[in-house]
C-alpha atoms as a PDB file:
ATOM      1  CA  MET A   1     146.162 322.504 -64.959  1.00  0.00           C
ATOM      2  CA  SER A   2     149.274 323.795 -63.273  1.00  0.00           C
ATOM      3  CA  PRO A   3     151.248 321.698 -60.763  1.00  0.00           C
ATOM      4  CA  ASP A   4     149.485 323.436 -57.845  1.00  0.00           C
ATOM      5  CA  GLY A   5     146.019 322.807 -59.312  1.00  0.00           C
ATOM      6  CA  MET A   6     145.343 326.251 -60.703  1.00  0.00           C
ATOM      7  CA  ALA A   7     144.112 326.842 -64.242  1.00  0.00           C
ATOM      8  CA  GLY A   8     146.494 327.998 -66.930  1.00  0.00           C
ATOM      9  CA  GLY A   9     149.224 325.406 -66.522  1.00  0.00           C
ATOM     10  CA  PRO A  10     152.151 324.628 -68.845  1.00  0.00           C
ATOM     11  CA  GLU A  11     149.813 323.071 -71.400  1.00  0.00           C
ATOM     12  CA  ALA A  12     148.405 326.519 -72.165  1.00  0.00           C
ATOM     13  CA  HIS A  13     150.062 327.825 -75.365  1.00  0.00           C
ATOM     14  CA  PRO A  14     150.318 331.628 -75.672  1.00  0.00           C
ATOM     15  CA  ALA A  15     150.646 333.401 -78.948  1.00  0.00           C
ATOM     16  CA  ASP A  16     153.851 332.893 -80.919  1.00  0.00           C
ATOM     17  CA  THR A  17     155.609 336.249 -80.609  1.00  0.00           C
ATOM     18  CA  PRO A  18     159.192 337.398 -80.073  1.00  0.00           C
ATOM     19  CA  GLN A  19     158.320 337.864 -76.430  1.00  0.00           C
ATOM     20  CA  THR A  20     156.945 334.357 -75.906  1.00  0.00           C
ATOM     21  CA  ARG A  21     159.892 332.818 -77.779  1.00  0.00           C
ATOM     22  CA  SER A  22     162.387 334.472 -75.438  1.00  0.00           C
ATOM     23  CA  PRO A  23     163.979 332.097 -72.873  1.00  0.00           C
ATOM     24  CA  SER A  24     163.004 334.569 -70.172  1.00  0.00           C
ATOM     25  CA  PHE A  25     159.334 333.765 -70.842  1.00  0.00           C
ATOM     26  CA  ARG A  26     159.684 330.048 -70.045  1.00  0.00           C
ATOM     27  CA  LEU A  27     158.229 328.782 -66.799  1.00  0.00           C
ATOM     28  CA  ALA A  28     161.208 328.499 -64.475  1.00  0.00           C
ATOM     29  CA  TYR A  29     160.765 324.793 -63.716  1.00  0.00           C
ATOM     30  CA  LEU A  30     160.387 323.988 -67.433  1.00  0.00           C
ATOM     31  CA  ASP A  31     163.467 325.940 -68.477  1.00  0.00           C
ATOM     32  CA  PRO A  32     166.435 323.515 -68.689  1.00  0.00           C
ATOM     33  CA  ASP A  33     168.947 326.292 -69.275  1.00  0.00           C
ATOM     34  CA  PHE A  34     167.797 328.009 -66.107  1.00  0.00           C
ATOM     35  CA  MET A  35     167.644 324.791 -64.053  1.00  0.00           C
ATOM     36  CA  LEU A  36     171.219 323.903 -65.044  1.00  0.00           C
ATOM     37  CA  ARG A  37     172.727 327.227 -64.016  1.00  0.00           C
ATOM     38  CA  LYS A  38     175.509 327.136 -61.453  1.00  0.00           C
ATOM     39  CA  ASP A  39     173.376 329.246 -59.101  1.00  0.00           C
ATOM     40  CA  LEU A  40     170.679 326.533 -59.078  1.00  0.00           C
ATOM     41  CA  ARG A  41     172.976 323.805 -57.744  1.00  0.00           C
ATOM     42  CA  PRO A  42     171.406 323.934 -54.234  1.00  0.00           C
ATOM     43  CA  LEU A  43     167.990 323.400 -55.790  1.00  0.00           C
ATOM     44  CA  ARG A  44     169.268 320.462 -57.860  1.00  0.00           C
ATOM     45  CA  PHE A  45     170.655 318.956 -54.647  1.00  0.00           C
ATOM     46  CA  GLN A  46     167.231 319.292 -53.077  1.00  0.00           C
ATOM     47  CA  LEU A  47     165.497 317.709 -56.065  1.00  0.00           C
ATOM     48  CA  GLU A  48     167.882 314.726 -56.128  1.00  0.00           C
ATOM     49  CA  LEU A  49     167.170 314.205 -52.438  1.00  0.00           C
ATOM     50  CA  LEU A  50     163.422 314.666 -52.715  1.00  0.00           C
ATOM     51  CA  LYS A  51     162.428 312.781 -55.878  1.00  0.00           C
ATOM     52  CA  PRO A  52     163.707 309.287 -54.917  1.00  0.00           C
ATOM     53  CA  ASP A  53     162.613 309.799 -51.317  1.00  0.00           C
ATOM     54  CA  LEU A  54     159.018 310.490 -52.321  1.00  0.00           C
ATOM     55  CA  ILE A  55     158.879 307.635 -54.817  1.00  0.00           C
ATOM     56  CA  LEU A  56     160.359 305.115 -52.377  1.00  0.00           C
ATOM     57  CA  GLU A  57     157.874 306.241 -49.740  1.00  0.00           C
ATOM     58  CA  GLU A  58     154.997 305.882 -52.215  1.00  0.00           C
ATOM     59  CA  HIS A  59     156.102 302.293 -52.880  1.00  0.00           C
ATOM     60  CA  GLY A  60     156.297 301.479 -49.186  1.00  0.00           C
ATOM     61  CA  ILE A  61     160.071 300.994 -49.136  1.00  0.00           C
ATOM     62  CA  ASP A  62     161.072 301.560 -45.511  1.00  0.00           C
ATOM     63  CA  ALA A  63     163.960 299.140 -44.986  1.00  0.00           C
ATOM     64  CA  THR A  64     166.709 298.217 -47.440  1.00  0.00           C
ATOM     65  CA  VAL A  65     169.822 296.103 -47.680  1.00  0.00           C
ATOM     66  CA  VAL A  66     172.535 297.813 -49.677  1.00  0.00           C
ATOM     67  CA  VAL A  67     174.795 295.620 -51.794  1.00  0.00           C
ATOM     68  CA  PHE A  68     178.023 297.102 -53.146  1.00  0.00           C
ATOM     69  CA  GLY A  69     180.533 295.406 -55.423  1.00  0.00           C
ATOM     70  CA  SER A  70     182.398 295.576 -58.687  1.00  0.00           C
ATOM     71  CA  ALA A  71     180.610 296.210 -61.966  1.00  0.00           C
ATOM     72  CA  ARG A  72     183.349 294.137 -63.639  1.00  0.00           C
ATOM     73  CA  VAL A  73     182.591 290.792 -62.008  1.00  0.00           C
ATOM     74  CA  PRO A  74     181.038 288.461 -64.609  1.00  0.00           C
ATOM     75  CA  ASN A  75     178.647 285.603 -64.086  1.00  0.00           C
ATOM     76  CA  GLU A  76     180.097 282.114 -64.543  1.00  0.00           C
ATOM     77  CA  ASP A  77     179.210 281.855 -68.233  1.00  0.00           C
ATOM     78  CA  GLY A  78     180.641 285.285 -68.963  1.00  0.00           C
ATOM     79  CA  ALA A  79     183.794 284.532 -66.996  1.00  0.00           C
ATOM     80  CA  GLU A  80     184.403 281.316 -68.903  1.00  0.00           C
ATOM     81  CA  ALA A  81     183.820 282.968 -72.282  1.00  0.00           C
ATOM     82  CA  ALA A  82     186.142 285.877 -71.438  1.00  0.00           C
ATOM     83  CA  MET A  83     188.870 283.531 -70.235  1.00  0.00           C
ATOM     84  CA  LYS A  84     188.675 281.379 -73.350  1.00  0.00           C
ATOM     85  CA  ALA A  85     188.893 284.464 -75.554  1.00  0.00           C
ATOM     86  CA  ALA A  86     191.916 285.727 -73.614  1.00  0.00           C
ATOM     87  CA  GLU A  87     193.602 282.322 -73.826  1.00  0.00           C
ATOM     88  CA  ALA A  88     193.064 282.177 -77.577  1.00  0.00           C
ATOM     89  CA  ALA A  89     194.450 285.668 -78.076  1.00  0.00           C
ATOM     90  CA  HIS A  90     197.489 284.931 -75.939  1.00  0.00           C
ATOM     91  CA  ALA A  91     198.147 281.634 -77.741  1.00  0.00           C
ATOM     92  CA  GLY A  92     198.241 283.529 -81.020  1.00  0.00           C
ATOM     93  CA  ASP A  93     200.857 285.966 -79.739  1.00  0.00           C
ATOM     94  CA  PRO A  94     202.499 284.521 -76.587  1.00  0.00           C
ATOM     95  CA  ASP A  95     205.181 287.230 -76.385  1.00  0.00           C
ATOM     96  CA  ASN A  96     202.664 290.071 -76.206  1.00  0.00           C
ATOM     97  CA  LEU A  97     202.808 291.411 -72.649  1.00  0.00           C
ATOM     98  CA  GLU A  98     199.423 293.111 -72.883  1.00  0.00           C
ATOM     99  CA  LEU A  99     197.760 289.877 -73.920  1.00  0.00           C
ATOM    100  CA  LYS A 100     199.564 288.040 -71.122  1.00  0.00           C
ATOM    101  CA  ARG A 101     198.275 290.602 -68.622  1.00  0.00           C
ATOM    102  CA  ALA A 102     194.745 290.388 -70.047  1.00  0.00           C
ATOM    103  CA  LEU A 103     194.831 286.617 -69.639  1.00  0.00           C
ATOM    104  CA  ALA A 104     195.940 286.885 -66.009  1.00  0.00           C
ATOM    105  CA  ILE A 105     193.157 289.378 -65.258  1.00  0.00           C
ATOM    106  CA  SER A 106     190.528 287.217 -66.958  1.00  0.00           C
ATOM    107  CA  ARG A 107     191.595 284.308 -64.775  1.00  0.00           C
ATOM    108  CA  ARG A 108     191.381 286.449 -61.637  1.00  0.00           C
ATOM    109  CA  LEU A 109     187.948 287.732 -62.576  1.00  0.00           C
ATOM    110  CA  ALA A 110     186.834 284.165 -63.220  1.00  0.00           C
ATOM    111  CA  THR A 111     187.592 283.365 -59.580  1.00  0.00           C
ATOM    112  CA  HIS A 112     185.284 286.214 -58.574  1.00  0.00           C
ATOM    113  CA  ALA A 113     182.399 284.751 -60.555  1.00  0.00           C
ATOM    114  CA  ARG A 114     181.484 282.871 -57.395  1.00  0.00           C
ATOM    115  CA  GLY A 115     180.818 286.299 -55.921  1.00  0.00           C
ATOM    116  CA  TYR A 116     178.205 286.883 -58.624  1.00  0.00           C
ATOM    117  CA  ALA A 117     176.498 283.637 -57.641  1.00  0.00           C
ATOM    118  CA  ALA A 118     176.697 284.544 -53.938  1.00  0.00           C
ATOM    119  CA  ALA A 119     175.223 288.007 -54.479  1.00  0.00           C
ATOM    120  CA  ARG A 120     172.420 286.474 -56.526  1.00  0.00           C
ATOM    121  CA  ARG A 121     171.709 284.015 -53.714  1.00  0.00           C
ATOM    122  CA  PHE A 122     171.761 286.850 -51.170  1.00  0.00           C
ATOM    123  CA  GLY A 123     169.177 288.775 -53.193  1.00  0.00           C
ATOM    124  CA  GLN A 124     167.000 285.672 -53.367  1.00  0.00           C
ATOM    125  CA  LEU A 125     167.165 285.237 -49.584  1.00  0.00           C
ATOM    126  CA  ALA A 126     166.135 288.857 -49.049  1.00  0.00           C
ATOM    127  CA  ALA A 127     163.115 288.355 -51.307  1.00  0.00           C
ATOM    128  CA  GLU A 128     162.099 285.141 -49.544  1.00  0.00           C
ATOM    129  CA  PHE A 129     162.452 286.837 -46.153  1.00  0.00           C
ATOM    130  CA  SER A 130     160.252 289.716 -47.293  1.00  0.00           C
ATOM    131  CA  ALA A 131     157.557 287.371 -48.536  1.00  0.00           C
ATOM    132  CA  ALA A 132     157.552 285.579 -45.180  1.00  0.00           C
ATOM    133  CA  HIS A 133     157.540 288.767 -43.072  1.00  0.00           C
ATOM    134  CA  PRO A 134     154.874 291.185 -44.318  1.00  0.00           C
ATOM    135  CA  GLY A 135     155.411 294.583 -42.798  1.00  0.00           C
ATOM    136  CA  ARG A 136     159.111 293.858 -42.190  1.00  0.00           C
ATOM    137  CA  GLU A 137     160.227 293.556 -45.836  1.00  0.00           C
ATOM    138  CA  LEU A 138     163.841 294.147 -46.810  1.00  0.00           C
ATOM    139  CA  THR A 139     164.407 295.584 -50.277  1.00  0.00           C
ATOM    140  CA  ILE A 140     167.691 295.010 -52.095  1.00  0.00           C
ATOM    141  CA  VAL A 141     169.280 298.275 -53.264  1.00  0.00           C
ATOM    142  CA  THR A 142     172.397 298.459 -55.434  1.00  0.00           C
ATOM    143  CA  GLY A 143     174.164 300.981 -57.613  1.00  0.00           C
ATOM    144  CA  GLY A 144     171.996 299.700 -60.452  1.00  0.00           C
ATOM    145  CA  GLY A 145     174.805 298.612 -62.761  1.00  0.00           C
ATOM    146  CA  PRO A 146     176.215 295.280 -63.967  1.00  0.00           C
ATOM    147  CA  GLY A 147     178.388 292.739 -62.156  1.00  0.00           C
ATOM    148  CA  ILE A 148     177.753 292.230 -58.444  1.00  0.00           C
ATOM    149  CA  MET A 149     175.017 294.867 -58.498  1.00  0.00           C
ATOM    150  CA  GLU A 150     173.163 293.033 -61.241  1.00  0.00           C
ATOM    151  CA  ALA A 151     173.536 289.743 -59.375  1.00  0.00           C
ATOM    152  CA  ALA A 152     171.924 291.012 -56.168  1.00  0.00           C
ATOM    153  CA  ASN A 153     169.071 292.679 -58.060  1.00  0.00           C
ATOM    154  CA  ARG A 154     168.667 289.538 -60.144  1.00  0.00           C
ATOM    155  CA  GLY A 155     168.309 287.245 -57.149  1.00  0.00           C
ATOM    156  CA  ALA A 156     165.556 289.426 -55.683  1.00  0.00           C
ATOM    157  CA  TYR A 157     163.839 289.868 -59.054  1.00  0.00           C
ATOM    158  CA  GLU A 158     163.803 286.151 -59.810  1.00  0.00           C
ATOM    159  CA  ALA A 159     162.211 285.511 -56.417  1.00  0.00           C
ATOM    160  CA  GLY A 160     159.428 287.980 -57.207  1.00  0.00           C
ATOM    161  CA  ALA A 161     160.454 290.950 -55.055  1.00  0.00           C
ATOM    162  CA  GLN A 162     160.814 294.640 -55.745  1.00  0.00           C
ATOM    163  CA  THR A 163     164.445 295.648 -56.176  1.00  0.00           C
ATOM    164  CA  ALA A 164     165.957 299.104 -56.521  1.00  0.00           C
ATOM    165  CA  GLY A 165     168.965 300.682 -58.222  1.00  0.00           C
ATOM    166  CA  LEU A 166     170.630 304.057 -57.763  1.00  0.00           C
ATOM    167  CA  ASN A 167     172.478 304.680 -61.007  1.00  0.00           C
ATOM    168  CA  ILE A 168     174.919 307.548 -61.449  1.00  0.00           C
ATOM    169  CA  VAL A 169     175.756 309.655 -64.492  1.00  0.00           C
ATOM    170  CA  LEU A 170     179.286 308.679 -65.590  1.00  0.00           C
ATOM    171  CA  PRO A 171     181.548 309.669 -68.502  1.00  0.00           C
ATOM    172  CA  HIS A 172     181.007 306.189 -69.941  1.00  0.00           C
ATOM    173  CA  GLU A 173     177.283 305.672 -69.563  1.00  0.00           C
ATOM    174  CA  GLN A 174     176.022 302.321 -68.339  1.00  0.00           C
ATOM    175  CA  ALA A 175     172.413 301.287 -68.595  1.00  0.00           C
ATOM    176  CA  PRO A 176     170.467 300.137 -65.544  1.00  0.00           C
ATOM    177  CA  ASN A 177     170.603 296.381 -65.243  1.00  0.00           C
ATOM    178  CA  PRO A 178     167.425 294.628 -66.447  1.00  0.00           C
ATOM    179  CA  TYR A 179     166.495 293.225 -63.022  1.00  0.00           C
ATOM    180  CA  LEU A 180     165.577 296.547 -61.434  1.00  0.00           C
ATOM    181  CA  THR A 181     161.934 297.284 -60.750  1.00  0.00           C
ATOM    182  CA  PRO A 182     161.393 300.040 -63.353  1.00  0.00           C
ATOM    183  CA  GLU A 183     159.602 302.305 -60.866  1.00  0.00           C
ATOM    184  CA  LEU A 184     162.541 301.929 -58.457  1.00  0.00           C
ATOM    185  CA  SER A 185     165.294 302.661 -60.977  1.00  0.00           C
ATOM    186  CA  PHE A 186     166.798 306.075 -60.257  1.00  0.00           C
ATOM    187  CA  GLN A 187     169.560 308.169 -61.779  1.00  0.00           C
ATOM    188  CA  PHE A 188     171.748 310.637 -59.905  1.00  0.00           C
ATOM    189  CA  TYR A 189     174.208 313.261 -60.991  1.00  0.00           C
ATOM    190  CA  TYR A 190     175.652 313.968 -57.540  1.00  0.00           C
ATOM    191  CA  PHE A 191     177.509 311.179 -55.760  1.00  0.00           C
ATOM    192  CA  ALA A 192     176.802 312.804 -52.394  1.00  0.00           C
ATOM    193  CA  LEU A 193     173.035 312.587 -52.786  1.00  0.00           C
ATOM    194  CA  ARG A 194     173.259 309.044 -54.094  1.00  0.00           C
ATOM    195  CA  LYS A 195     175.282 307.984 -51.055  1.00  0.00           C
ATOM    196  CA  MET A 196     172.752 309.629 -48.782  1.00  0.00           C
ATOM    197  CA  HIS A 197     169.961 307.578 -50.347  1.00  0.00           C
ATOM    198  CA  PHE A 198     171.957 304.383 -49.926  1.00  0.00           C
ATOM    199  CA  LEU A 199     171.958 304.933 -46.158  1.00  0.00           C
ATOM    200  CA  MET A 200     168.645 306.656 -45.407  1.00  0.00           C
ATOM    201  CA  ARG A 201     166.702 303.388 -45.300  1.00  0.00           C
ATOM    202  CA  ALA A 202     169.576 300.938 -44.849  1.00  0.00           C
ATOM    203  CA  ARG A 203     169.347 298.094 -42.366  1.00  0.00           C
ATOM    204  CA  ALA A 204     172.620 296.530 -43.497  1.00  0.00           C
ATOM    205  CA  LEU A 205     175.408 296.937 -46.007  1.00  0.00           C
ATOM    206  CA  VAL A 206     177.142 294.073 -47.796  1.00  0.00           C
ATOM    207  CA  ALA A 207     180.351 294.878 -49.655  1.00  0.00           C
ATOM    208  CA  PHE A 208     181.529 292.324 -52.191  1.00  0.00           C
ATOM    209  CA  PRO A 209     184.973 292.659 -53.832  1.00  0.00           C
ATOM    210  CA  GLY A 210     185.219 295.850 -55.822  1.00  0.00           C
ATOM    211  CA  GLY A 211     187.349 298.796 -56.827  1.00  0.00           C
ATOM    212  CA  PHE A 212     187.447 302.509 -56.055  1.00  0.00           C
ATOM    213  CA  GLY A 213     183.670 302.908 -56.048  1.00  0.00           C
ATOM    214  CA  THR A 214     183.095 300.046 -53.629  1.00  0.00           C
ATOM    215  CA  LEU A 215     185.903 301.227 -51.356  1.00  0.00           C
ATOM    216  CA  ASP A 216     184.594 304.779 -51.398  1.00  0.00           C
ATOM    217  CA  GLU A 217     181.091 303.693 -50.403  1.00  0.00           C
ATOM    218  CA  LEU A 218     182.325 301.221 -47.792  1.00  0.00           C
ATOM    219  CA  PHE A 219     184.660 303.627 -46.009  1.00  0.00           C
ATOM    220  CA  GLU A 220     182.181 306.475 -46.089  1.00  0.00           C
ATOM    221  CA  THR A 221     179.655 304.182 -44.402  1.00  0.00           C
ATOM    222  CA  LEU A 222     182.175 303.052 -41.787  1.00  0.00           C
ATOM    223  CA  CYS A 223     183.163 306.661 -41.109  1.00  0.00           C
ATOM    224  CA  LEU A 224     179.541 307.738 -40.672  1.00  0.00           C
ATOM    225  CA  ILE A 225     178.848 304.879 -38.266  1.00  0.00           C
ATOM    226  CA  GLN A 226     182.123 305.476 -36.393  1.00  0.00           C
ATOM    227  CA  THR A 227     181.268 309.156 -35.886  1.00  0.00           C
ATOM    228  CA  GLY A 228     177.635 308.557 -34.997  1.00  0.00           C
ATOM    229  CA  LYS A 229     176.271 310.241 -38.104  1.00  0.00           C
ATOM    230  CA  SER A 230     174.633 306.998 -39.216  1.00  0.00           C
ATOM    231  CA  ARG A 231     172.846 304.352 -37.166  1.00  0.00           C
ATOM    232  CA  ARG A 232     174.806 301.228 -36.252  1.00  0.00           C
ATOM    233  CA  MET A 233     173.976 298.329 -38.568  1.00  0.00           C
ATOM    234  CA  PRO A 234     175.653 295.174 -39.890  1.00  0.00           C
ATOM    235  CA  VAL A 235     178.456 295.946 -42.337  1.00  0.00           C
ATOM    236  CA  LEU A 236     179.515 292.697 -43.962  1.00  0.00           C
ATOM    237  CA  LEU A 237     182.632 292.231 -46.075  1.00  0.00           C
ATOM    238  CA  PHE A 238     182.038 289.268 -48.348  1.00  0.00           C
ATOM    239  CA  ASP A 239     185.097 287.169 -49.286  1.00  0.00           C
ATOM    240  CA  SER A 240     187.380 287.411 -46.272  1.00  0.00           C
ATOM    241  CA  ALA A 241     190.460 286.417 -48.281  1.00  0.00           C
ATOM    242  CA  PHE A 242     189.995 289.359 -50.643  1.00  0.00           C
ATOM    243  CA  TRP A 243     189.426 291.961 -47.932  1.00  0.00           C
ATOM    244  CA  SER A 244     192.195 290.676 -45.658  1.00  0.00           C
ATOM    245  CA  ARG A 245     194.665 290.837 -48.525  1.00  0.00           C
ATOM    246  CA  LEU A 246     193.457 294.272 -49.631  1.00  0.00           C
ATOM    247  CA  ILE A 247     193.322 296.139 -46.308  1.00  0.00           C
ATOM    248  CA  ASN A 248     195.405 295.587 -43.188  1.00  0.00           C
ATOM    249  CA  PHE A 249     192.902 296.754 -40.594  1.00  0.00           C
ATOM    250  CA  GLU A 250     195.072 295.542 -37.720  1.00  0.00           C
ATOM    251  CA  MET A 251     197.895 297.758 -38.940  1.00  0.00           C
ATOM    252  CA  LEU A 252     195.564 300.755 -38.648  1.00  0.00           C
ATOM    253  CA  VAL A 253     194.933 299.799 -35.027  1.00  0.00           C
ATOM    254  CA  GLU A 254     198.642 299.245 -34.318  1.00  0.00           C
ATOM    255  CA  GLU A 255     199.522 302.618 -35.852  1.00  0.00           C
ATOM    256  CA  GLY A 256     196.877 304.350 -33.749  1.00  0.00           C
ATOM    257  CA  MET A 257     194.892 305.447 -36.775  1.00  0.00           C
ATOM    258  CA  ILE A 258     191.707 303.736 -35.570  1.00  0.00           C
ATOM    259  CA  SER A 259     190.629 302.428 -32.174  1.00  0.00           C
ATOM    260  CA  PRO A 260     190.603 298.680 -31.441  1.00  0.00           C
ATOM    261  CA  GLU A 261     186.804 298.752 -31.194  1.00  0.00           C
ATOM    262  CA  ASP A 262     186.534 300.239 -34.686  1.00  0.00           C
ATOM    263  CA  VAL A 263     187.244 296.840 -36.210  1.00  0.00           C
ATOM    264  CA  ASP A 264     183.983 295.708 -34.621  1.00  0.00           C
ATOM    265  CA  LEU A 265     182.077 298.001 -36.991  1.00  0.00           C
ATOM    266  CA  PHE A 266     182.257 295.284 -39.666  1.00  0.00           C
ATOM    267  CA  GLN A 267     182.646 291.551 -40.017  1.00  0.00           C
ATOM    268  CA  PHE A 268     183.888 289.164 -42.670  1.00  0.00           C
ATOM    269  CA  VAL A 269     181.547 286.640 -44.264  1.00  0.00           C
ATOM    270  CA  ASP A 270     182.072 283.955 -46.894  1.00  0.00           C
ATOM    271  CA  ASP A 271     178.641 282.419 -47.278  1.00  0.00           C
ATOM    272  CA  PRO A 272     175.497 284.229 -48.520  1.00  0.00           C
ATOM    273  CA  ASP A 273     173.207 282.255 -46.207  1.00  0.00           C
ATOM    274  CA  GLN A 274     175.341 283.156 -43.216  1.00  0.00           C
ATOM    275  CA  ALA A 275     175.442 286.791 -44.327  1.00  0.00           C
ATOM    276  CA  PHE A 276     171.715 287.078 -44.727  1.00  0.00           C
ATOM    277  CA  GLN A 277     171.039 285.394 -41.389  1.00  0.00           C
ATOM    278  CA  ILE A 278     173.082 288.141 -39.713  1.00  0.00           C
ATOM    279  CA  VAL A 279     171.022 290.769 -41.520  1.00  0.00           C
ATOM    280  CA  ALA A 280     167.683 289.101 -40.768  1.00  0.00           C
ATOM    281  CA  ASP A 281     168.479 288.675 -37.070  1.00  0.00           C
ATOM    282  CA  TYR A 282     169.460 292.314 -36.762  1.00  0.00           C
ATOM    283  CA  HIS A 283     166.387 293.521 -38.633  1.00  0.00           C
ATOM    284  CA  LEU A 284     163.948 291.446 -36.584  1.00  0.00           C
ATOM    285  CA  ASN A 285     165.536 292.321 -33.234  1.00  0.00           C
ATOM    286  CA  ASN A 286     166.034 296.052 -33.820  1.00  0.00           C
ATOM    287  CA  PRO A 287     162.810 297.903 -34.636  1.00  0.00           C
ATOM    288  CA  MET A 288     163.376 300.786 -37.005  1.00  0.00           C
ATOM    289  CA  LYS A 289     161.570 304.106 -36.964  1.00  0.00           C
ATOM    290  CA  ARG A 290     160.161 305.260 -40.266  1.00  0.00           C
ATOM    291  CA  VAL A 291     162.662 306.875 -42.597  1.00  0.00           C
ATOM    292  CA  GLY A 292     163.423 310.512 -41.915  1.00  0.00           C
ATOM    293  CA  ARG A 293     162.801 310.233 -38.161  1.00  0.00           C
ATOM    294  CA  GLY A 294     166.329 309.337 -37.083  1.00  0.00           C
ATOM    295  CA  LYS A 295     169.905 309.490 -38.240  1.00  0.00           C
ATOM    296  CA  VAL A 296     170.821 309.379 -41.899  1.00  0.00           C
END
């Protein structure tokens, strides 16, 4: 059967002739060369918007908590192993500047391992909340990769909840982390559509320490909320020391680049229990219309 229920679908095999072997004879939606043409980019945009939206709706995912953070942050065991390896390499060649730098970075990343544990705890709390509040579940959504993303998915997975990941095609491919619900593991080509899906069902955003990707996603979210393109929600910056050292928000106010009230669009947190309580209180006290009925 064809996709619209009519007889003579793609399983029907016509005779093998020069005409049927021609690319022009392929069904349009089964022709990868045609689907990947530059002219079909608008249709690919539409498909990347539609496919995850339909699947999430089929699984009853209405409200999510988005967790951003570095893919490079190891868990405590990984941090210790990496630091020991860097120390051994540096001890063997103490004058090597690259090895000295690698050792310093391994030590810095080891301090961020507590962020892995915190994100894991946050995911666990979201799962426990969902189990205790049927009909008001909160699903953890991450970028689907390793590091902080893995930790948040892991916490929810270990507590028995569904957990989603929005992976992106990158030059250096990374596999989805093993804690994603397989049916809720998606892959995107376009960053724009991926970002849209992060926010369509979001009830809160938690940004752990991260690099360009985390900063990109955080500031896009803040800009959308600031300009009214996205609904107001908790935006939590985990690890106040990291964010205060990284970004001088007060300087932006002093220079007139943002308004004083813009710094109220987010708040610093240092404890996963505190962070999730903020999210839970907001979610319970602010009823949310079904996805697609309000702002992105």
